[in-house]
Protein backbone atom coordinates (compact mmCIF):
# COMPACT_ATOMS: atom_id res chain seq x y z
CA MET A 1 118.78 138.36 8.78
CA LYS A 2 116.60 141.21 9.91
CA PHE A 3 113.70 139.90 7.88
CA ARG A 4 114.15 136.42 9.37
CA GLY A 5 114.19 137.80 12.88
CA LEU A 6 111.05 139.80 12.28
CA LEU A 7 109.33 136.72 10.87
CA ILE A 8 110.21 134.66 13.94
CA ALA A 9 109.00 137.42 16.27
CA ALA A 10 105.72 137.66 14.35
CA LEU A 11 105.19 133.92 14.62
CA VAL A 12 105.85 134.01 18.39
CA LEU A 13 103.33 136.83 18.83
CA LEU A 14 100.78 134.92 16.76
CA VAL A 15 101.18 131.80 18.93
CA LEU A 16 100.95 133.81 22.17
CA GLY A 17 97.83 135.54 20.93
CA GLY A 18 96.23 132.23 20.08
CA VAL A 19 97.05 130.83 23.52
CA LEU A 20 95.58 133.90 25.20
CA TYR A 21 92.39 133.69 23.13
CA TRP A 22 92.04 129.98 23.91
CA SER A 23 92.60 130.48 27.65
CA GLU A 24 89.95 133.19 27.84
CA HIS A 25 87.33 131.37 25.77
CA ARG A 26 87.82 127.68 26.55
CA LYS A 27 85.22 125.88 28.71
CA PRO A 28 86.40 124.75 32.17
CA ALA A 29 87.18 121.09 32.67
CA GLU A 30 84.05 119.14 33.38
CA GLU A 31 83.75 116.61 36.13
CA HIS A 32 81.15 114.61 34.26
CA PRO A 33 80.43 114.34 30.49
CA ASN A 34 76.81 115.50 31.06
CA SER A 35 77.61 118.42 33.42
CA THR A 36 77.38 122.14 32.90
CA ALA A 37 79.92 123.01 35.56
CA ASN A 38 79.82 126.77 35.31
CA ALA A 39 76.03 126.94 35.85
CA SER A 40 74.72 127.59 39.37
CA PRO A 41 70.94 127.99 39.16
CA VAL A 42 68.47 128.37 42.00
CA ILE A 43 67.34 124.99 43.33
CA VAL A 44 64.44 126.11 45.50
CA LYS A 45 62.69 129.48 45.61
CA LEU A 46 59.89 129.79 48.13
CA ASP A 47 58.11 132.59 49.93
CA PRO A 48 58.49 131.53 53.61
CA PRO A 49 55.09 132.96 54.69
CA THR A 50 53.38 130.67 52.17
CA ILE A 51 54.84 127.48 53.66
CA ALA A 52 52.18 125.63 55.64
CA LYS A 53 53.92 122.37 56.48
CA LEU A 54 57.48 121.03 56.78
CA THR A 55 58.71 117.48 57.21
CA PHE A 56 62.32 116.49 57.91
CA LYS A 57 63.29 112.92 57.10
CA LYS A 58 66.72 111.67 58.13
CA ARG A 59 68.25 108.24 57.84
CA ASP A 60 67.42 106.01 60.83
CA THR A 61 65.52 108.84 62.55
CA ALA A 62 61.80 109.40 63.04
CA PRO A 63 60.41 112.15 60.76
CA VAL A 64 59.91 115.61 62.24
CA THR A 65 56.83 117.50 61.02
CA LEU A 66 55.94 121.14 61.67
CA VAL A 67 52.58 122.71 60.87
CA ARG A 68 51.86 126.42 60.75
CA LYS A 69 48.84 127.25 62.93
CA ASP A 70 48.82 130.92 62.00
CA ALA A 71 51.24 133.56 60.71
CA ASN A 72 53.61 133.35 63.69
CA ASP A 73 52.75 130.04 65.33
CA TRP A 74 54.48 126.83 64.27
CA GLN A 75 53.75 123.59 66.08
CA ILE A 76 55.63 120.28 65.98
CA THR A 77 53.18 117.43 65.32
CA GLU A 78 55.67 114.55 64.84
CA PRO A 79 57.28 112.60 66.40
CA LYS A 80 55.00 114.00 69.14
CA PRO A 81 53.13 117.25 69.73
CA LEU A 82 55.48 119.98 70.95
CA ASP A 83 55.62 123.75 70.89
CA ALA A 84 58.10 124.99 68.30
CA ASP A 85 60.79 127.62 68.75
CA GLN A 86 59.35 130.29 66.45
CA ASN A 87 62.69 132.07 65.97
CA ALA A 88 64.49 128.82 65.15
CA VAL A 89 61.89 127.90 62.54
CA SER A 90 61.91 131.37 60.96
CA THR A 91 65.72 131.35 60.77
CA MET A 92 65.69 127.88 59.19
CA LEU A 93 63.22 129.01 56.52
CA LEU A 94 65.30 131.98 55.36
CA PRO A 95 67.61 130.04 52.95
CA LEU A 96 64.55 128.59 51.20
CA SER A 97 63.54 132.01 49.90
CA SER A 98 66.28 131.45 47.32
CA LEU A 99 68.49 128.38 47.74
CA ASN A 100 71.25 128.68 45.17
CA SER A 101 73.36 125.79 44.00
CA GLU A 102 77.12 126.13 43.74
CA ARG A 103 77.11 124.29 40.39
CA VAL A 104 75.35 121.62 38.38
CA VAL A 105 77.13 118.28 38.54
CA GLU A 106 74.88 116.43 36.09
CA ASP A 107 71.98 117.51 33.93
CA ARG A 108 70.53 114.00 33.87
CA ALA A 109 71.85 111.80 36.63
CA ALA A 110 71.60 108.10 35.83
CA ASP A 111 73.23 106.82 39.01
CA LEU A 112 72.08 108.63 42.17
CA LYS A 113 73.84 106.19 44.48
CA GLN A 114 77.27 107.70 43.74
CA TYR A 115 76.02 110.98 45.21
CA GLY A 116 74.26 109.46 48.21
CA LEU A 117 70.92 110.57 46.74
CA GLU A 118 69.39 107.15 46.15
CA GLN A 119 68.72 107.00 49.90
CA PRO A 120 69.29 110.64 50.92
CA ALA A 121 70.82 111.59 54.23
CA LEU A 122 68.14 114.28 54.56
CA GLU A 123 64.83 114.98 52.80
CA LEU A 124 62.84 118.16 53.31
CA ASP A 125 59.22 118.15 52.20
CA PHE A 126 57.60 121.58 51.82
CA THR A 127 53.86 122.06 51.44
CA GLU A 128 52.56 125.51 50.60
CA LYS A 129 49.17 126.95 51.45
CA ASN A 130 47.98 126.16 47.93
CA ASN A 131 48.86 122.47 48.63
CA LYS A 132 51.77 122.60 46.17
CA SER A 133 54.57 120.34 47.46
CA GLN A 134 58.31 120.15 46.81
CA GLN A 135 60.99 117.85 48.14
CA LEU A 136 64.64 118.76 48.58
CA ARG A 137 67.08 115.85 48.93
CA MET A 138 70.58 116.09 50.32
CA GLY A 139 73.12 113.28 49.95
CA ASP A 140 76.84 112.82 50.60
CA ASP A 141 79.43 115.53 51.03
CA THR A 142 81.67 116.09 48.02
CA PRO A 143 85.11 114.39 48.12
CA THR A 144 86.87 117.72 48.59
CA GLY A 145 84.51 118.77 51.40
CA GLY A 146 82.76 122.10 51.88
CA SER A 147 79.81 121.09 49.69
CA THR A 148 76.96 118.55 49.59
CA TYR A 149 75.21 116.87 46.70
CA ALA A 150 71.53 117.85 46.40
CA MET A 151 68.56 117.59 44.05
CA LEU A 152 64.91 118.52 43.84
CA ALA A 153 62.37 115.73 43.42
CA GLY A 154 61.14 115.69 39.81
CA ASP A 155 64.26 117.47 38.55
CA PRO A 156 66.90 115.12 37.02
CA ARG A 157 69.76 117.50 37.77
CA VAL A 158 72.28 116.95 40.59
CA PHE A 159 73.69 120.06 42.24
CA THR A 160 76.12 120.91 44.98
CA ILE A 161 75.15 123.28 47.79
CA SER A 162 77.41 124.84 50.38
CA SER A 163 77.92 123.11 53.72
CA SER A 164 76.60 126.24 55.45
CA ASP A 165 73.29 125.99 53.56
CA LYS A 166 73.05 122.31 54.46
CA ALA A 167 73.74 123.07 58.15
CA SER A 168 71.02 125.73 58.20
CA LEU A 169 68.47 123.18 56.95
CA ASP A 170 69.67 120.04 58.74
CA LYS A 171 67.64 120.33 61.95
CA THR A 172 66.47 117.87 64.59
CA VAL A 173 63.40 117.99 66.80
CA ASN A 174 65.61 119.32 69.62
CA ASP A 175 66.82 122.15 67.38
CA LEU A 176 63.28 123.21 66.51
CA ARG A 177 61.33 122.68 69.74
CA ASP A 178 60.61 125.45 72.20
CA LYS A 179 63.01 124.88 75.10
CA HIS A 180 61.36 127.23 77.61
CA LEU A 181 60.40 125.44 80.82
CA LEU A 182 57.72 127.95 81.81
CA LYS A 183 55.17 129.75 79.63
CA LEU A 184 55.26 133.23 81.12
CA GLN A 185 54.95 136.86 80.13
CA THR A 186 57.26 138.95 82.28
CA GLU A 187 54.91 141.91 82.63
CA LYS A 188 52.03 139.64 83.70
CA ILE A 189 53.82 138.07 86.69
CA SER A 190 52.30 139.26 89.97
CA ARG A 191 53.64 136.79 92.54
CA ILE A 192 56.61 134.45 93.05
CA ASP A 193 56.95 131.84 95.78
CA LEU A 194 60.32 130.21 96.49
CA VAL A 195 60.43 127.19 98.77
CA ARG A 196 63.96 126.19 99.74
CA LYS A 197 65.47 124.46 102.76
CA ASN A 198 62.20 124.54 104.72
CA GLN A 199 61.78 128.27 104.19
CA GLU A 200 59.17 129.94 101.99
CA ILE A 201 59.83 133.35 100.47
CA LYS A 202 56.90 135.10 98.83
CA PHE A 203 57.21 138.16 96.58
CA GLY A 204 54.27 140.29 95.45
CA ARG A 205 54.13 143.04 92.84
CA ASP A 206 51.76 145.99 92.71
CA LYS A 207 51.87 149.45 91.12
CA ASN A 208 54.65 150.43 93.55
CA GLY A 209 56.91 147.53 92.57
CA TRP A 210 58.04 144.35 94.30
CA GLN A 211 57.73 143.65 98.01
CA ILE A 212 58.62 140.67 100.18
CA LEU A 213 55.38 139.35 101.72
CA LYS A 214 56.64 136.23 103.49
CA PRO A 215 58.10 135.20 105.95
CA ARG A 216 57.14 138.80 106.88
CA PRO A 217 56.66 142.12 105.08
CA LEU A 218 60.06 143.48 104.09
CA ARG A 219 61.52 145.95 101.64
CA ALA A 220 62.66 144.14 98.50
CA ASP A 221 65.68 144.67 96.25
CA SER A 222 63.84 145.24 92.97
CA ILE A 223 66.98 144.65 90.91
CA GLN A 224 67.48 141.21 92.45
CA ILE A 225 63.84 140.24 91.93
CA ASP A 226 63.82 141.52 88.35
CA GLU A 227 66.86 139.33 87.70
CA LEU A 228 64.99 136.39 89.26
CA VAL A 229 62.01 137.07 86.97
CA THR A 230 64.33 137.15 83.96
CA LYS A 231 65.90 133.82 84.92
CA LEU A 232 62.49 132.21 85.32
CA THR A 233 61.03 133.54 82.06
CA ASP A 234 64.23 132.60 80.17
CA ALA A 235 64.62 129.19 81.86
CA LYS A 236 65.38 126.61 79.16
CA MET A 237 66.18 122.93 78.99
CA ASP A 238 69.75 122.05 78.02
CA LEU A 239 69.52 119.22 75.49
CA SER A 240 73.21 118.97 74.65
CA GLY A 241 76.29 117.57 76.31
CA ILE A 242 76.85 115.70 79.54
CA GLY A 243 73.97 114.99 81.89
CA THR A 244 71.20 114.83 79.28
CA GLN A 245 71.03 111.10 78.57
CA ASP A 246 69.27 110.08 81.81
CA SER A 247 67.76 113.33 83.05
CA ALA A 248 64.78 111.58 84.65
CA GLY A 249 67.00 109.31 86.72
CA ASP A 250 69.45 112.10 87.50
CA PHE A 251 66.60 114.34 88.68
CA ALA A 252 65.21 111.60 90.94
CA ARG A 253 68.63 111.03 92.54
CA ALA A 254 69.56 114.71 92.86
CA THR A 255 69.18 116.88 95.96
CA PRO A 256 66.24 119.32 96.01
CA VAL A 257 67.33 122.95 95.81
CA THR A 258 64.27 125.15 95.19
CA VAL A 259 60.67 124.99 94.12
CA ALA A 260 59.55 128.16 92.34
CA LYS A 261 55.83 128.89 91.94
CA VAL A 262 55.14 131.74 89.55
CA THR A 263 51.70 133.33 89.26
CA GLY A 264 50.54 135.42 86.32
CA ASP A 265 47.41 136.05 84.29
CA ALA A 266 47.43 132.41 83.10
CA GLY A 267 47.53 130.95 86.60
CA THR A 268 50.38 129.42 88.61
CA GLN A 269 53.25 127.43 87.10
CA GLU A 270 55.83 125.47 89.06
CA LEU A 271 59.51 124.75 88.46
CA GLN A 272 61.47 122.30 90.62
CA ILE A 273 65.26 122.58 90.69
CA ARG A 274 67.60 119.86 91.94
CA LYS A 275 71.37 119.51 92.04
CA SER A 276 73.80 116.62 91.64
CA LYS A 277 77.46 117.58 92.08
CA ASP A 278 77.89 120.56 89.71
CA LEU A 279 74.87 119.80 87.54
CA TYR A 280 71.34 121.17 87.91
CA TYR A 281 68.11 119.50 86.75
CA ALA A 282 64.58 120.85 86.42
CA LYS A 283 61.00 119.66 86.20
CA SER A 284 58.20 121.93 85.05
CA SER A 285 54.47 121.76 85.65
CA VAL A 286 53.76 122.80 82.04
CA ILE A 287 56.30 120.65 80.11
CA ASP A 288 56.56 116.88 80.26
CA GLY A 289 59.86 115.38 81.35
CA THR A 290 62.88 116.39 83.39
CA TYR A 291 65.86 118.22 81.96
CA LYS A 292 69.37 119.42 82.63
CA VAL A 293 69.52 123.22 82.97
CA ASP A 294 72.26 125.83 83.07
CA SER A 295 73.97 126.34 86.41
CA ASP A 296 73.09 130.06 86.22
CA LEU A 297 69.41 129.19 86.68
CA GLY A 298 70.11 126.88 89.61
CA GLN A 299 72.29 129.46 91.34
CA ALA A 300 69.76 132.25 90.75
CA LEU A 301 67.09 130.24 92.57
CA ASP A 302 69.37 128.95 95.32
CA LYS A 303 69.38 132.19 97.33
CA SER A 304 68.41 133.14 100.84
CA LEU A 305 65.91 135.73 102.05
CA ASP A 306 68.65 138.30 102.71
CA ASP A 307 69.80 138.10 99.09
CA PHE A 308 66.47 139.61 98.02
CA ARG A 309 66.14 142.25 100.74
CA ASN A 310 66.73 145.92 100.03
CA LYS A 311 70.02 146.76 101.73
CA LYS A 312 69.81 150.49 101.00
CA LEU A 313 68.76 152.57 104.00
CA PHE A 314 67.06 155.22 101.83
CA ASP A 315 64.63 154.78 98.94
CA PHE A 316 65.05 158.19 97.28
CA SER A 317 67.66 156.59 95.01
CA PHE A 318 68.73 158.97 92.22
CA ASN A 319 65.86 161.39 92.80
CA GLN A 320 67.08 164.76 93.96
CA PRO A 321 65.96 165.42 97.57
CA ASN A 322 63.95 168.53 98.40
CA LYS A 323 64.94 168.75 102.06
CA ILE A 324 67.46 167.12 104.41
CA GLU A 325 67.46 167.34 108.22
CA LEU A 326 70.41 165.95 110.17
CA HIS A 327 71.12 165.62 113.88
CA ASP A 328 74.51 164.31 114.97
CA GLY A 329 74.89 164.63 118.72
CA SER A 330 74.67 168.34 119.54
CA LYS A 331 74.94 169.43 115.89
CA SER A 332 71.87 170.07 113.76
CA TYR A 333 71.52 170.81 110.04
CA VAL A 334 68.44 171.86 108.05
CA LEU A 335 69.04 172.03 104.29
CA THR A 336 66.44 172.94 101.67
CA ARG A 337 66.64 173.00 97.88
CA SER A 338 65.32 175.72 95.60
CA GLY A 339 65.83 174.93 91.94
CA GLN A 340 69.37 173.60 91.65
CA ASP A 341 70.67 175.44 94.75
CA TRP A 342 70.77 174.34 98.40
CA PHE A 343 70.34 176.68 101.37
CA SER A 344 70.87 176.54 105.13
CA GLU A 345 69.06 179.30 107.09
CA GLY A 346 68.87 181.40 103.94
CA LYS A 347 72.54 180.99 103.05
CA LYS A 348 73.58 179.18 99.91
CA VAL A 349 75.52 175.95 100.54
CA ASP A 350 78.42 174.87 98.36
CA ALA A 351 77.09 172.55 95.61
CA GLY A 352 80.06 170.19 95.87
CA LYS A 353 79.57 169.70 99.61
CA MET A 354 75.87 169.00 99.11
CA GLU A 355 76.54 166.49 96.36
CA SER A 356 79.01 164.69 98.63
CA LEU A 357 76.47 164.55 101.47
CA ILE A 358 73.63 163.29 99.22
CA SER A 359 75.95 160.66 97.78
CA LYS A 360 76.88 159.43 101.27
CA LEU A 361 73.21 159.18 102.28
CA ARG A 362 72.30 157.42 99.04
CA ASP A 363 75.14 154.90 99.48
CA LEU A 364 74.25 153.82 103.01
CA THR A 365 74.08 150.05 102.40
CA ALA A 366 73.75 147.38 105.07
CA ALA A 367 76.26 144.56 105.34
CA LYS A 368 73.91 142.44 107.47
CA PHE A 369 70.41 142.37 108.94
CA PRO A 370 70.81 141.75 112.69
CA ASN A 371 67.92 140.77 114.93
CA SER A 372 68.95 143.01 117.82
CA GLY A 373 71.57 145.50 118.99
CA PHE A 374 69.93 148.85 118.31
CA THR A 375 70.32 151.29 121.21
CA THR A 376 70.14 155.08 121.59
CA PRO A 377 70.46 156.76 118.20
CA GLN A 378 73.52 158.93 117.67
CA ILE A 379 72.56 160.22 114.22
CA ILE A 380 69.06 161.03 112.96
CA ALA A 381 68.54 161.82 109.28
CA ALA A 382 65.31 162.78 107.53
CA VAL A 383 65.17 163.08 103.74
CA THR A 384 62.20 164.51 101.84
CA SER A 385 61.99 163.80 98.10
CA GLN A 386 59.51 163.49 95.22
CA ASP A 387 58.24 167.01 95.92
CA GLY A 388 57.24 166.08 99.45
CA LYS A 389 55.55 162.78 98.58
CA LEU A 390 58.32 160.62 100.14
CA VAL A 391 59.63 161.35 103.61
CA GLU A 392 62.18 158.94 105.07
CA LYS A 393 63.58 159.11 108.58
CA VAL A 394 66.39 156.86 109.81
CA LEU A 395 68.05 156.46 113.17
CA ILE A 396 71.68 155.29 113.49
CA ALA A 397 73.14 153.97 116.75
CA LYS A 398 76.68 152.92 117.67
CA SER A 399 77.11 149.18 118.18
CA GLY A 400 80.54 147.81 119.06
CA ASP A 401 82.95 148.65 116.23
CA GLY A 402 80.13 149.46 113.83
CA TYR A 403 76.65 150.91 113.63
CA ILE A 404 73.09 149.61 113.56
CA ALA A 405 70.31 151.62 111.94
CA LYS A 406 66.55 151.43 111.54
CA ARG A 407 63.95 153.21 109.46
CA GLU A 408 61.22 154.98 111.41
CA ASN A 409 58.12 152.82 111.93
CA GLU A 410 59.83 149.70 110.55
CA PRO A 411 61.13 146.81 112.68
CA SER A 412 64.05 145.80 110.44
CA LEU A 413 67.60 146.56 111.56
CA TYR A 414 70.54 147.36 109.26
CA GLN A 415 74.17 146.83 110.26
CA PHE A 416 76.95 149.03 108.83
CA ASP A 417 80.70 149.07 108.98
CA ALA A 418 82.17 152.01 110.87
CA SER A 419 83.82 153.39 107.70
CA THR A 420 80.42 153.82 106.04
CA VAL A 421 79.03 156.07 108.79
CA ASP A 422 82.39 157.82 109.35
CA GLY A 423 82.27 158.94 105.71
CA LEU A 424 78.80 160.36 106.24
CA GLN A 425 79.89 162.24 109.36
CA LYS A 426 82.88 163.78 107.54
CA ALA A 427 80.56 165.03 104.80
CA VAL A 428 78.21 166.49 107.42
CA ASP A 429 81.03 168.27 109.26
CA THR A 430 81.82 170.40 106.19
CA LEU A 431 78.33 171.97 106.27
CA PRO A 432 77.22 175.05 108.19
CA SER A 433 75.04 173.99 111.13
CA ALA A 434 72.04 175.85 112.44
CA GLY A 435 72.99 178.97 114.40
CA LYS A 436 76.40 179.43 112.75
């Protein structure tokens, strides 16, 4: 009995071993009698810098052709001449450096129709600088999804490629065109004119930064103008979604918002912005057509003069002052800095108290710009900074429940809430005044 049991056990082990060997060495089930399903060779291998011309052909759509003018300058030549988005083209070319198949479906495909390759959904023609050409064809998606049938012209094999690879190569003229509405270099812009609601605002830039030139010379908020410059240089057409089908008609019917004229080393370019309900439309002097644009652009250009004015009373910003003189009624303060220390009549002043005072002066920000209301000044403050190169003197007068201030030798008035000036006075009261 023992011998019989051992024999049965040996037979069982032999069968299990054979099954294991078969499972590890058998070929996977093949989808087609001529396939080599476990092979996934490279379909296309190109060096992107060597590509000189690209043509996209899609069913029922006009071909899109791009030609490389130089190393970093692609141009669209069909269906009409357009500037190309250089980043979009470069990104699209990346998969072509080595486009791998997922597997080979057939080594010699007799019937391309079953794969949608007889009349491909997409054909990509590549011409290299040496005039060598290749054509990649993409057909139907596989029944299980996630993959697409593909082949290379002149190669009888049918492959599958991933849907992500297909998406990276399946581009339209709108995907590949440059969508910028103005052709500008930020650092070259020297003047901006905004015409809105019968008012013209003119900004000029020199070595000292931005200034408001019109309707009259005014201090400008450089941060606000830099943001305006960014919006103008980044202004792009929106070619997707609602409001893009009849942009020309929508623009004609919309209400004018702003006309921006931007001057740089290449001359002056103009951008018109109009609004219809919640949608904004634009027309450029350097790009044909009218287009829907993001609301952020429309809102950035739909601003008043006061939005661009410098509301800070002092310009020393985060520079450390060298000297501060204050007069508040009968109290006077003269504070000078030596190194990191502050002194009043030769006596060192507490660093915390000085930092509080400087912060209050730096934060004096107008709520409004009134045309009148300034009377006898109650507080006079003079701040010297930049090693004596910048001296600013301001006068602050009481006005109703608040205060109105002006900078010496400037006509503009600045209105403050009472709490703003009260905070300054509290910081001043902690300091030793002259004669104490």
